[in-house]
Amino acid sequence: MRTMPTGFASSGETPTGADRGLAHRQLAAAAAFRGMATDVATTSNTANSGAITAALKTPTADIQYDLSNHSVDKPGDPSKRAFTYFVLTGGRMVYASALRLTVLKFLLSMSASADVLALASLEVDTSKIESGQTVTVKWRGKPVFIRRRTPGEIEKEVAVDVGSLRDPQTDGERAADPEWLVVVGVCTHLGCVPISNAGDYNGWFCPCHGSHYDASGRIRKGPAPYNLEVPEYKFTESDKMVIG
């Protein structure tokens, strides 16, 4: 005998046709829900019953997976090695190219540009310099003295005893062409600019602290420790000189 839904039996009223239909639908829904729950529980227990039972009977730290329900991909799949090697090799090539580009940019940044190279050398027209005259030109921000020496000056400087000099140098070591002497016009004491054709030796005289240089640019008297610097220069033509 079926039990009527709660509310009808307690009230003592006779259910109508609509009430009976509602009761039948409620009973059918409850039965269907119980059936679905039973199926899910049965399926879950069936799939895992073996593994659960084995774990309960023989507990161990060595975990064994049920391969029938799970798939395990082994590392180093041979079918994917080619792709792995390709990715690794490509990455290394990219890193090597980036490093090469960085090094090249660094080296190029240290190289002098065209305008800097143009300022590094200076061409001088020597045809207008008379014998015994000294001209001053600017090279790399420093004064340079170009002196066209007379035969008497050349003879006098060649005859100097090198052993008596503070910074021993022969005249031939300082002047490739005896007629022309080229020196940087900066005193080797504290960097002052000496006066041309002056001093006790008719070469250069530094008024700052009294250093005297001869017509070969060698220090002869005063506190300066070294001779005037001779820059790199050459004659491109008979009347053209390039300094630097």
C-alpha atoms as a PDB file:
ATOM      1  CA  MET A   1       0.000   0.000   0.000  1.00  0.00           C
ATOM      2  CA  ARG A   2       1.434   3.367  -1.011  1.00  0.00           C
ATOM      3  CA  THR A   3       1.913   6.079   1.560  1.00  0.00           C
ATOM      4  CA  MET A   4       0.247   9.337   0.780  1.00  0.00           C
ATOM      5  CA  PRO A   5       2.277  12.495   0.946  1.00  0.00           C
ATOM      6  CA  THR A   6       2.425  14.279   4.263  1.00  0.00           C
ATOM      7  CA  GLY A   7      -0.484  16.633   4.793  1.00  0.00           C
ATOM      8  CA  PHE A   8      -3.253  14.564   3.340  1.00  0.00           C
ATOM      9  CA  ALA A   9      -3.267  11.735   5.906  1.00  0.00           C
ATOM     10  CA  SER A  10      -3.003  14.029   8.907  1.00  0.00           C
ATOM     11  CA  SER A  11      -5.775  16.318   7.828  1.00  0.00           C
ATOM     12  CA  GLY A  12      -8.258  13.481   7.116  1.00  0.00           C
ATOM     13  CA  GLU A  13      -9.335  15.081   3.882  1.00  0.00           C
ATOM     14  CA  THR A  14      -9.990  12.996   0.787  1.00  0.00           C
ATOM     15  CA  PRO A  15      -7.363  13.796  -1.884  1.00  0.00           C
ATOM     16  CA  THR A  16      -8.606  14.969  -5.228  1.00  0.00           C
ATOM     17  CA  GLY A  17      -7.350  13.860  -8.663  1.00  0.00           C
ATOM     18  CA  ALA A  18      -4.908  16.756  -8.887  1.00  0.00           C
ATOM     19  CA  ASP A  19      -3.520  15.902  -5.478  1.00  0.00           C
ATOM     20  CA  ARG A  20      -3.021  12.290  -6.440  1.00  0.00           C
ATOM     21  CA  GLY A  21      -1.110  13.325  -9.614  1.00  0.00           C
ATOM     22  CA  LEU A  22       1.220  15.565  -7.630  1.00  0.00           C
ATOM     23  CA  ALA A  23       1.894  12.754  -5.165  1.00  0.00           C
ATOM     24  CA  HIS A  24       2.716  10.319  -7.969  1.00  0.00           C
ATOM     25  CA  ARG A  25       5.184  12.788  -9.530  1.00  0.00           C
ATOM     26  CA  GLN A  26       6.955  13.347  -6.215  1.00  0.00           C
ATOM     27  CA  LEU A  27       7.336   9.591  -5.655  1.00  0.00           C
ATOM     28  CA  ALA A  28       8.728   9.089  -9.189  1.00  0.00           C
ATOM     29  CA  ALA A  29      11.314  11.876  -8.764  1.00  0.00           C
ATOM     30  CA  ALA A  30      12.470  10.421  -5.438  1.00  0.00           C
ATOM     31  CA  ALA A  31      12.865   6.953  -6.942  1.00  0.00           C
ATOM     32  CA  ALA A  32      14.848   8.301  -9.899  1.00  0.00           C
ATOM     33  CA  PHE A  33      17.222  10.204  -7.609  1.00  0.00           C
ATOM     34  CA  ARG A  34      17.845   7.089  -5.507  1.00  0.00           C
ATOM     35  CA  GLY A  35      18.627   5.120  -8.639  1.00  0.00           C
ATOM     36  CA  MET A  36      21.148   7.648  -9.929  1.00  0.00           C
ATOM     37  CA  ALA A  37      22.977   7.801  -6.586  1.00  0.00           C
ATOM     38  CA  THR A  38      23.140   4.003  -6.482  1.00  0.00           C
ATOM     39  CA  ASP A  39      24.635   3.846  -9.992  1.00  0.00           C
ATOM     40  CA  VAL A  40      27.332   6.458  -9.227  1.00  0.00           C
ATOM     41  CA  ALA A  41      28.340   4.751  -5.994  1.00  0.00           C
ATOM     42  CA  THR A  42      28.466   1.349  -7.661  1.00  0.00           C
ATOM     43  CA  THR A  43      30.579   2.590 -10.555  1.00  0.00           C
ATOM     44  CA  SER A  44      33.030   4.405  -8.253  1.00  0.00           C
ATOM     45  CA  ASN A  45      33.430   1.440  -5.979  1.00  0.00           C
ATOM     46  CA  THR A  46      33.922  -0.934  -8.887  1.00  0.00           C
ATOM     47  CA  ALA A  47      36.659   1.197 -10.507  1.00  0.00           C
ATOM     48  CA  ASN A  48      38.649   1.765  -7.353  1.00  0.00           C
ATOM     49  CA  SER A  49      37.736  -1.232  -5.235  1.00  0.00           C
ATOM     50  CA  GLY A  50      40.876  -3.180  -6.199  1.00  0.00           C
ATOM     51  CA  ALA A  51      43.300  -0.366  -5.474  1.00  0.00           C
ATOM     52  CA  ILE A  52      41.555   0.623  -2.247  1.00  0.00           C
ATOM     53  CA  THR A  53      41.415  -2.958  -0.993  1.00  0.00           C
ATOM     54  CA  ALA A  54      45.094  -3.561  -1.800  1.00  0.00           C
ATOM     55  CA  ALA A  55      46.106  -0.346  -0.028  1.00  0.00           C
ATOM     56  CA  LEU A  56      44.163  -1.254   3.083  1.00  0.00           C
ATOM     57  CA  LYS A  57      45.456  -4.834   3.282  1.00  0.00           C
ATOM     58  CA  THR A  58      49.124  -4.167   2.502  1.00  0.00           C
ATOM     59  CA  PRO A  59      50.089  -0.548   3.302  1.00  0.00           C
ATOM     60  CA  THR A  60      53.446   0.429   1.764  1.00  0.00           C
ATOM     61  CA  ALA A  61      55.428   3.528   0.845  1.00  0.00           C
ATOM     62  CA  ASP A  62      55.900   2.239  -2.696  1.00  0.00           C
ATOM     63  CA  ILE A  63      52.961   3.671  -4.582  1.00  0.00           C
ATOM     64  CA  GLN A  64      51.730   1.603  -7.502  1.00  0.00           C
ATOM     65  CA  TYR A  65      49.415   3.274  -9.957  1.00  0.00           C
ATOM     66  CA  ASP A  66      46.620   1.431 -11.620  1.00  0.00           C
ATOM     67  CA  LEU A  67      47.675   1.763 -15.256  1.00  0.00           C
ATOM     68  CA  SER A  68      44.294   0.510 -16.421  1.00  0.00           C
ATOM     69  CA  ASN A  69      42.709   3.789 -15.274  1.00  0.00           C
ATOM     70  CA  HIS A  70      45.676   6.158 -15.725  1.00  0.00           C
ATOM     71  CA  SER A  71      48.148   6.761 -18.523  1.00  0.00           C
ATOM     72  CA  VAL A  72      51.747   7.682 -17.651  1.00  0.00           C
ATOM     73  CA  ASP A  73      53.955   9.414 -20.253  1.00  0.00           C
ATOM     74  CA  LYS A  74      57.589   8.356 -19.965  1.00  0.00           C
ATOM     75  CA  PRO A  75      60.232  11.137 -20.030  1.00  0.00           C
ATOM     76  CA  GLY A  76      62.336  11.476 -23.129  1.00  0.00           C
ATOM     77  CA  ASP A  77      59.755  10.389 -25.603  1.00  0.00           C
ATOM     78  CA  PRO A  78      61.738   9.374 -28.732  1.00  0.00           C
ATOM     79  CA  SER A  79      59.074  10.896 -30.950  1.00  0.00           C
ATOM     80  CA  LYS A  80      59.735  14.357 -29.423  1.00  0.00           C
ATOM     81  CA  ARG A  81      63.555  14.339 -29.292  1.00  0.00           C
ATOM     82  CA  ALA A  82      63.960  15.978 -32.690  1.00  0.00           C
ATOM     83  CA  PHE A  83      61.723  18.868 -31.671  1.00  0.00           C
ATOM     84  CA  THR A  84      63.565  19.240 -28.350  1.00  0.00           C
ATOM     85  CA  TYR A  85      66.961  19.346 -30.067  1.00  0.00           C
ATOM     86  CA  PHE A  86      65.645  21.866 -32.571  1.00  0.00           C
ATOM     87  CA  VAL A  87      64.389  24.194 -29.815  1.00  0.00           C
ATOM     88  CA  LEU A  88      67.628  23.941 -27.796  1.00  0.00           C
ATOM     89  CA  THR A  89      69.846  24.507 -30.835  1.00  0.00           C
ATOM     90  CA  GLY A  90      67.753  27.443 -32.017  1.00  0.00           C
ATOM     91  CA  GLY A  91      67.892  29.057 -28.573  1.00  0.00           C
ATOM     92  CA  ARG A  92      71.668  28.724 -28.423  1.00  0.00           C
ATOM     93  CA  MET A  93      72.032  30.289 -31.864  1.00  0.00           C
ATOM     94  CA  VAL A  94      69.846  33.219 -30.808  1.00  0.00           C
ATOM     95  CA  TYR A  95      71.909  33.764 -27.651  1.00  0.00           C
ATOM     96  CA  ALA A  96      75.182  33.558 -29.605  1.00  0.00           C
ATOM     97  CA  SER A  97      73.936  36.073 -32.198  1.00  0.00           C
ATOM     98  CA  ALA A  98      72.795  38.475 -29.483  1.00  0.00           C
ATOM     99  CA  LEU A  99      76.166  38.231 -27.730  1.00  0.00           C
ATOM    100  CA  ARG A 100      78.038  38.811 -31.009  1.00  0.00           C
ATOM    101  CA  LEU A 101      75.896  41.858 -31.793  1.00  0.00           C
ATOM    102  CA  THR A 102      76.506  43.294 -28.320  1.00  0.00           C
ATOM    103  CA  VAL A 103      80.274  42.860 -28.630  1.00  0.00           C
ATOM    104  CA  LEU A 104      80.325  44.449 -32.096  1.00  0.00           C
ATOM    105  CA  LYS A 105      78.308  47.441 -30.926  1.00  0.00           C
ATOM    106  CA  PHE A 106      80.670  47.915 -27.999  1.00  0.00           C
ATOM    107  CA  LEU A 107      83.760  47.751 -30.212  1.00  0.00           C
ATOM    108  CA  LEU A 108      82.274  50.090 -32.810  1.00  0.00           C
ATOM    109  CA  SER A 109      81.363  52.596 -30.113  1.00  0.00           C
ATOM    110  CA  MET A 110      85.057  52.746 -29.168  1.00  0.00           C
ATOM    111  CA  SER A 111      86.185  53.435 -32.735  1.00  0.00           C
ATOM    112  CA  ALA A 112      86.685  57.035 -33.754  1.00  0.00           C
ATOM    113  CA  SER A 113      84.116  58.544 -36.100  1.00  0.00           C
ATOM    114  CA  ALA A 114      84.964  60.223 -39.393  1.00  0.00           C
ATOM    115  CA  ASP A 115      84.851  63.767 -37.979  1.00  0.00           C
ATOM    116  CA  VAL A 116      87.117  62.775 -35.086  1.00  0.00           C
ATOM    117  CA  LEU A 117      89.607  61.209 -37.486  1.00  0.00           C
ATOM    118  CA  ALA A 118      89.564  64.372 -39.574  1.00  0.00           C
ATOM    119  CA  LEU A 119      90.523  66.425 -36.524  1.00  0.00           C
ATOM    120  CA  ALA A 120      93.235  63.940 -35.559  1.00  0.00           C
ATOM    121  CA  SER A 121      95.502  65.126 -38.373  1.00  0.00           C
ATOM    122  CA  LEU A 122      96.415  68.592 -39.568  1.00  0.00           C
ATOM    123  CA  GLU A 123      97.870  69.626 -42.924  1.00  0.00           C
ATOM    124  CA  VAL A 124     100.182  72.637 -42.895  1.00  0.00           C
ATOM    125  CA  ASP A 125     101.460  74.637 -45.870  1.00  0.00           C
ATOM    126  CA  THR A 126     105.162  75.198 -45.119  1.00  0.00           C
ATOM    127  CA  SER A 127     105.884  77.272 -48.235  1.00  0.00           C
ATOM    128  CA  LYS A 128     104.973  80.494 -46.416  1.00  0.00           C
ATOM    129  CA  ILE A 129     107.289  79.893 -43.437  1.00  0.00           C
ATOM    130  CA  GLU A 130     110.556  81.785 -43.843  1.00  0.00           C
ATOM    131  CA  SER A 131     113.964  80.659 -42.569  1.00  0.00           C
ATOM    132  CA  GLY A 132     114.398  81.418 -38.862  1.00  0.00           C
ATOM    133  CA  GLN A 133     110.644  81.882 -38.366  1.00  0.00           C
ATOM    134  CA  THR A 134     108.413  79.948 -35.929  1.00  0.00           C
ATOM    135  CA  VAL A 135     104.667  79.534 -36.510  1.00  0.00           C
ATOM    136  CA  THR A 136     102.089  78.178 -34.129  1.00  0.00           C
ATOM    137  CA  VAL A 137      99.215  75.921 -35.254  1.00  0.00           C
ATOM    138  CA  LYS A 138      96.477  74.213 -33.255  1.00  0.00           C
ATOM    139  CA  TRP A 139      96.364  70.422 -33.301  1.00  0.00           C
ATOM    140  CA  ARG A 140      94.046  68.341 -31.094  1.00  0.00           C
ATOM    141  CA  GLY A 141      93.427  71.384 -28.934  1.00  0.00           C
ATOM    142  CA  LYS A 142      97.116  71.996 -28.254  1.00  0.00           C
ATOM    143  CA  PRO A 143      99.556  74.516 -29.737  1.00  0.00           C
ATOM    144  CA  VAL A 144     102.263  73.110 -32.010  1.00  0.00           C
ATOM    145  CA  PHE A 145     105.416  75.059 -32.868  1.00  0.00           C
ATOM    146  CA  ILE A 146     106.820  74.664 -36.394  1.00  0.00           C
ATOM    147  CA  ARG A 147     110.269  76.204 -36.717  1.00  0.00           C
ATOM    148  CA  ARG A 148     112.252  76.568 -39.917  1.00  0.00           C
ATOM    149  CA  ARG A 149     115.782  76.651 -38.627  1.00  0.00           C
ATOM    150  CA  THR A 150     118.718  78.460 -40.179  1.00  0.00           C
ATOM    151  CA  PRO A 151     121.961  76.630 -41.042  1.00  0.00           C
ATOM    152  CA  GLY A 152     123.625  78.344 -38.070  1.00  0.00           C
ATOM    153  CA  GLU A 153     120.957  77.067 -35.656  1.00  0.00           C
ATOM    154  CA  ILE A 154     121.230  73.556 -37.034  1.00  0.00           C
ATOM    155  CA  GLU A 155     125.015  73.557 -36.654  1.00  0.00           C
ATOM    156  CA  LYS A 156     124.783  74.878 -33.103  1.00  0.00           C
ATOM    157  CA  GLU A 157     122.237  72.268 -31.935  1.00  0.00           C
ATOM    158  CA  VAL A 158     124.105  69.368 -33.542  1.00  0.00           C
ATOM    159  CA  ALA A 159     127.274  70.360 -31.662  1.00  0.00           C
ATOM    160  CA  VAL A 160     125.616  70.209 -28.197  1.00  0.00           C
ATOM    161  CA  ASP A 161     127.108  67.659 -25.770  1.00  0.00           C
ATOM    162  CA  VAL A 162     124.255  65.216 -25.198  1.00  0.00           C
ATOM    163  CA  GLY A 163     125.768  63.972 -21.944  1.00  0.00           C
ATOM    164  CA  SER A 164     125.249  67.376 -20.354  1.00  0.00           C
ATOM    165  CA  LEU A 165     121.509  67.390 -21.013  1.00  0.00           C
ATOM    166  CA  ARG A 166     118.841  66.639 -18.419  1.00  0.00           C
ATOM    167  CA  ASP A 167     116.801  64.674 -20.962  1.00  0.00           C
ATOM    168  CA  PRO A 168     119.504  63.393 -23.366  1.00  0.00           C
ATOM    169  CA  GLN A 169     118.490  63.438 -27.041  1.00  0.00           C
ATOM    170  CA  THR A 170     120.471  64.266 -30.161  1.00  0.00           C
ATOM    171  CA  ASP A 171     119.219  66.836 -32.610  1.00  0.00           C
ATOM    172  CA  GLY A 172     118.879  64.128 -35.272  1.00  0.00           C
ATOM    173  CA  GLU A 173     116.504  62.159 -33.025  1.00  0.00           C
ATOM    174  CA  ARG A 174     114.196  65.156 -32.725  1.00  0.00           C
ATOM    175  CA  ALA A 175     114.263  66.513 -36.279  1.00  0.00           C
ATOM    176  CA  ALA A 176     113.831  64.114 -39.207  1.00  0.00           C
ATOM    177  CA  ASP A 177     114.625  66.995 -41.556  1.00  0.00           C
ATOM    178  CA  PRO A 178     117.289  69.235 -39.920  1.00  0.00           C
ATOM    179  CA  GLU A 179     115.703  72.342 -41.420  1.00  0.00           C
ATOM    180  CA  TRP A 180     112.335  71.716 -39.727  1.00  0.00           C
ATOM    181  CA  LEU A 181     111.587  71.267 -36.045  1.00  0.00           C
ATOM    182  CA  VAL A 182     108.064  70.413 -34.881  1.00  0.00           C
ATOM    183  CA  VAL A 183     107.268  70.337 -31.142  1.00  0.00           C
ATOM    184  CA  VAL A 184     104.143  70.530 -28.969  1.00  0.00           C
ATOM    185  CA  GLY A 185     104.022  73.982 -27.378  1.00  0.00           C
ATOM    186  CA  VAL A 186     103.322  72.812 -23.822  1.00  0.00           C
ATOM    187  CA  CYS A 187     105.928  73.152 -21.078  1.00  0.00           C
ATOM    188  CA  THR A 188     106.736  69.797 -19.492  1.00  0.00           C
ATOM    189  CA  HIS A 189     106.783  71.354 -16.035  1.00  0.00           C
ATOM    190  CA  LEU A 190     103.197  72.491 -15.395  1.00  0.00           C
ATOM    191  CA  GLY A 191     101.707  72.798 -18.881  1.00  0.00           C
ATOM    192  CA  CYS A 192     102.231  76.475 -19.660  1.00  0.00           C
ATOM    193  CA  VAL A 193     102.807  77.708 -23.233  1.00  0.00           C
ATOM    194  CA  PRO A 194     106.426  78.825 -23.762  1.00  0.00           C
ATOM    195  CA  ILE A 195     107.407  81.917 -25.726  1.00  0.00           C
ATOM    196  CA  SER A 196     109.122  81.286 -29.085  1.00  0.00           C
ATOM    197  CA  ASN A 197     112.547  82.663 -30.002  1.00  0.00           C
ATOM    198  CA  ALA A 198     113.270  83.589 -26.396  1.00  0.00           C
ATOM    199  CA  GLY A 199     115.310  82.436 -23.421  1.00  0.00           C
ATOM    200  CA  ASP A 200     119.002  81.930 -22.821  1.00  0.00           C
ATOM    201  CA  TYR A 201     119.308  79.503 -25.716  1.00  0.00           C
ATOM    202  CA  ASN A 202     117.168  81.354 -28.287  1.00  0.00           C
ATOM    203  CA  GLY A 203     114.652  78.549 -28.419  1.00  0.00           C
ATOM    204  CA  TRP A 204     111.646  78.766 -26.086  1.00  0.00           C
ATOM    205  CA  PHE A 205     111.186  80.312 -22.679  1.00  0.00           C
ATOM    206  CA  CYS A 206     108.397  79.476 -20.207  1.00  0.00           C
ATOM    207  CA  PRO A 207     107.599  82.604 -18.138  1.00  0.00           C
ATOM    208  CA  CYS A 208     105.635  80.646 -15.526  1.00  0.00           C
ATOM    209  CA  HIS A 209     108.641  79.129 -13.724  1.00  0.00           C
ATOM    210  CA  GLY A 210     111.607  80.025 -15.920  1.00  0.00           C
ATOM    211  CA  SER A 211     112.277  76.939 -18.034  1.00  0.00           C
ATOM    212  CA  HIS A 212     114.642  77.483 -20.998  1.00  0.00           C
ATOM    213  CA  TYR A 213     114.608  75.291 -24.136  1.00  0.00           C
ATOM    214  CA  ASP A 214     117.071  75.417 -27.026  1.00  0.00           C
ATOM    215  CA  ALA A 215     116.312  75.530 -30.762  1.00  0.00           C
ATOM    216  CA  SER A 216     115.909  71.746 -30.706  1.00  0.00           C
ATOM    217  CA  GLY A 217     113.235  71.923 -27.993  1.00  0.00           C
ATOM    218  CA  ARG A 218     115.491  70.359 -25.345  1.00  0.00           C
ATOM    219  CA  ILE A 219     115.332  71.513 -21.742  1.00  0.00           C
ATOM    220  CA  ARG A 220     118.559  73.346 -20.824  1.00  0.00           C
ATOM    221  CA  LYS A 221     117.667  75.306 -17.710  1.00  0.00           C
ATOM    222  CA  GLY A 222     114.814  75.601 -15.198  1.00  0.00           C
ATOM    223  CA  PRO A 223     112.446  73.170 -13.424  1.00  0.00           C
ATOM    224  CA  ALA A 224     111.026  71.358 -16.494  1.00  0.00           C
ATOM    225  CA  PRO A 225     112.038  67.674 -16.345  1.00  0.00           C
ATOM    226  CA  TYR A 226     111.710  66.715 -20.018  1.00  0.00           C
ATOM    227  CA  ASN A 227     112.182  68.060 -23.530  1.00  0.00           C
ATOM    228  CA  LEU A 228     109.266  69.446 -25.501  1.00  0.00           C
ATOM    229  CA  GLU A 229     107.248  66.645 -27.060  1.00  0.00           C
ATOM    230  CA  VAL A 230     107.760  65.898 -30.744  1.00  0.00           C
ATOM    231  CA  PRO A 231     104.444  64.838 -32.355  1.00  0.00           C
ATOM    232  CA  GLU A 232     104.136  62.436 -35.247  1.00  0.00           C
ATOM    233  CA  TYR A 233     104.408  64.255 -38.567  1.00  0.00           C
ATOM    234  CA  LYS A 234     105.479  63.711 -42.172  1.00  0.00           C
ATOM    235  CA  PHE A 235     105.963  65.620 -45.428  1.00  0.00           C
ATOM    236  CA  THR A 236     103.453  64.600 -48.098  1.00  0.00           C
ATOM    237  CA  GLU A 237     104.956  67.053 -50.583  1.00  0.00           C
ATOM    238  CA  SER A 238     107.942  69.395 -50.602  1.00  0.00           C
ATOM    239  CA  ASP A 239     105.820  72.169 -49.073  1.00  0.00           C
ATOM    240  CA  LYS A 240     103.051  70.135 -47.351  1.00  0.00           C
ATOM    241  CA  MET A 241     103.330  68.756 -43.814  1.00  0.00           C
ATOM    242  CA  VAL A 242     100.754  66.542 -42.067  1.00  0.00           C
ATOM    243  CA  ILE A 243     100.804  66.454 -38.283  1.00  0.00           C
ATOM    244  CA  GLY A 244      99.214  63.414 -36.649  1.00  0.00           C
END
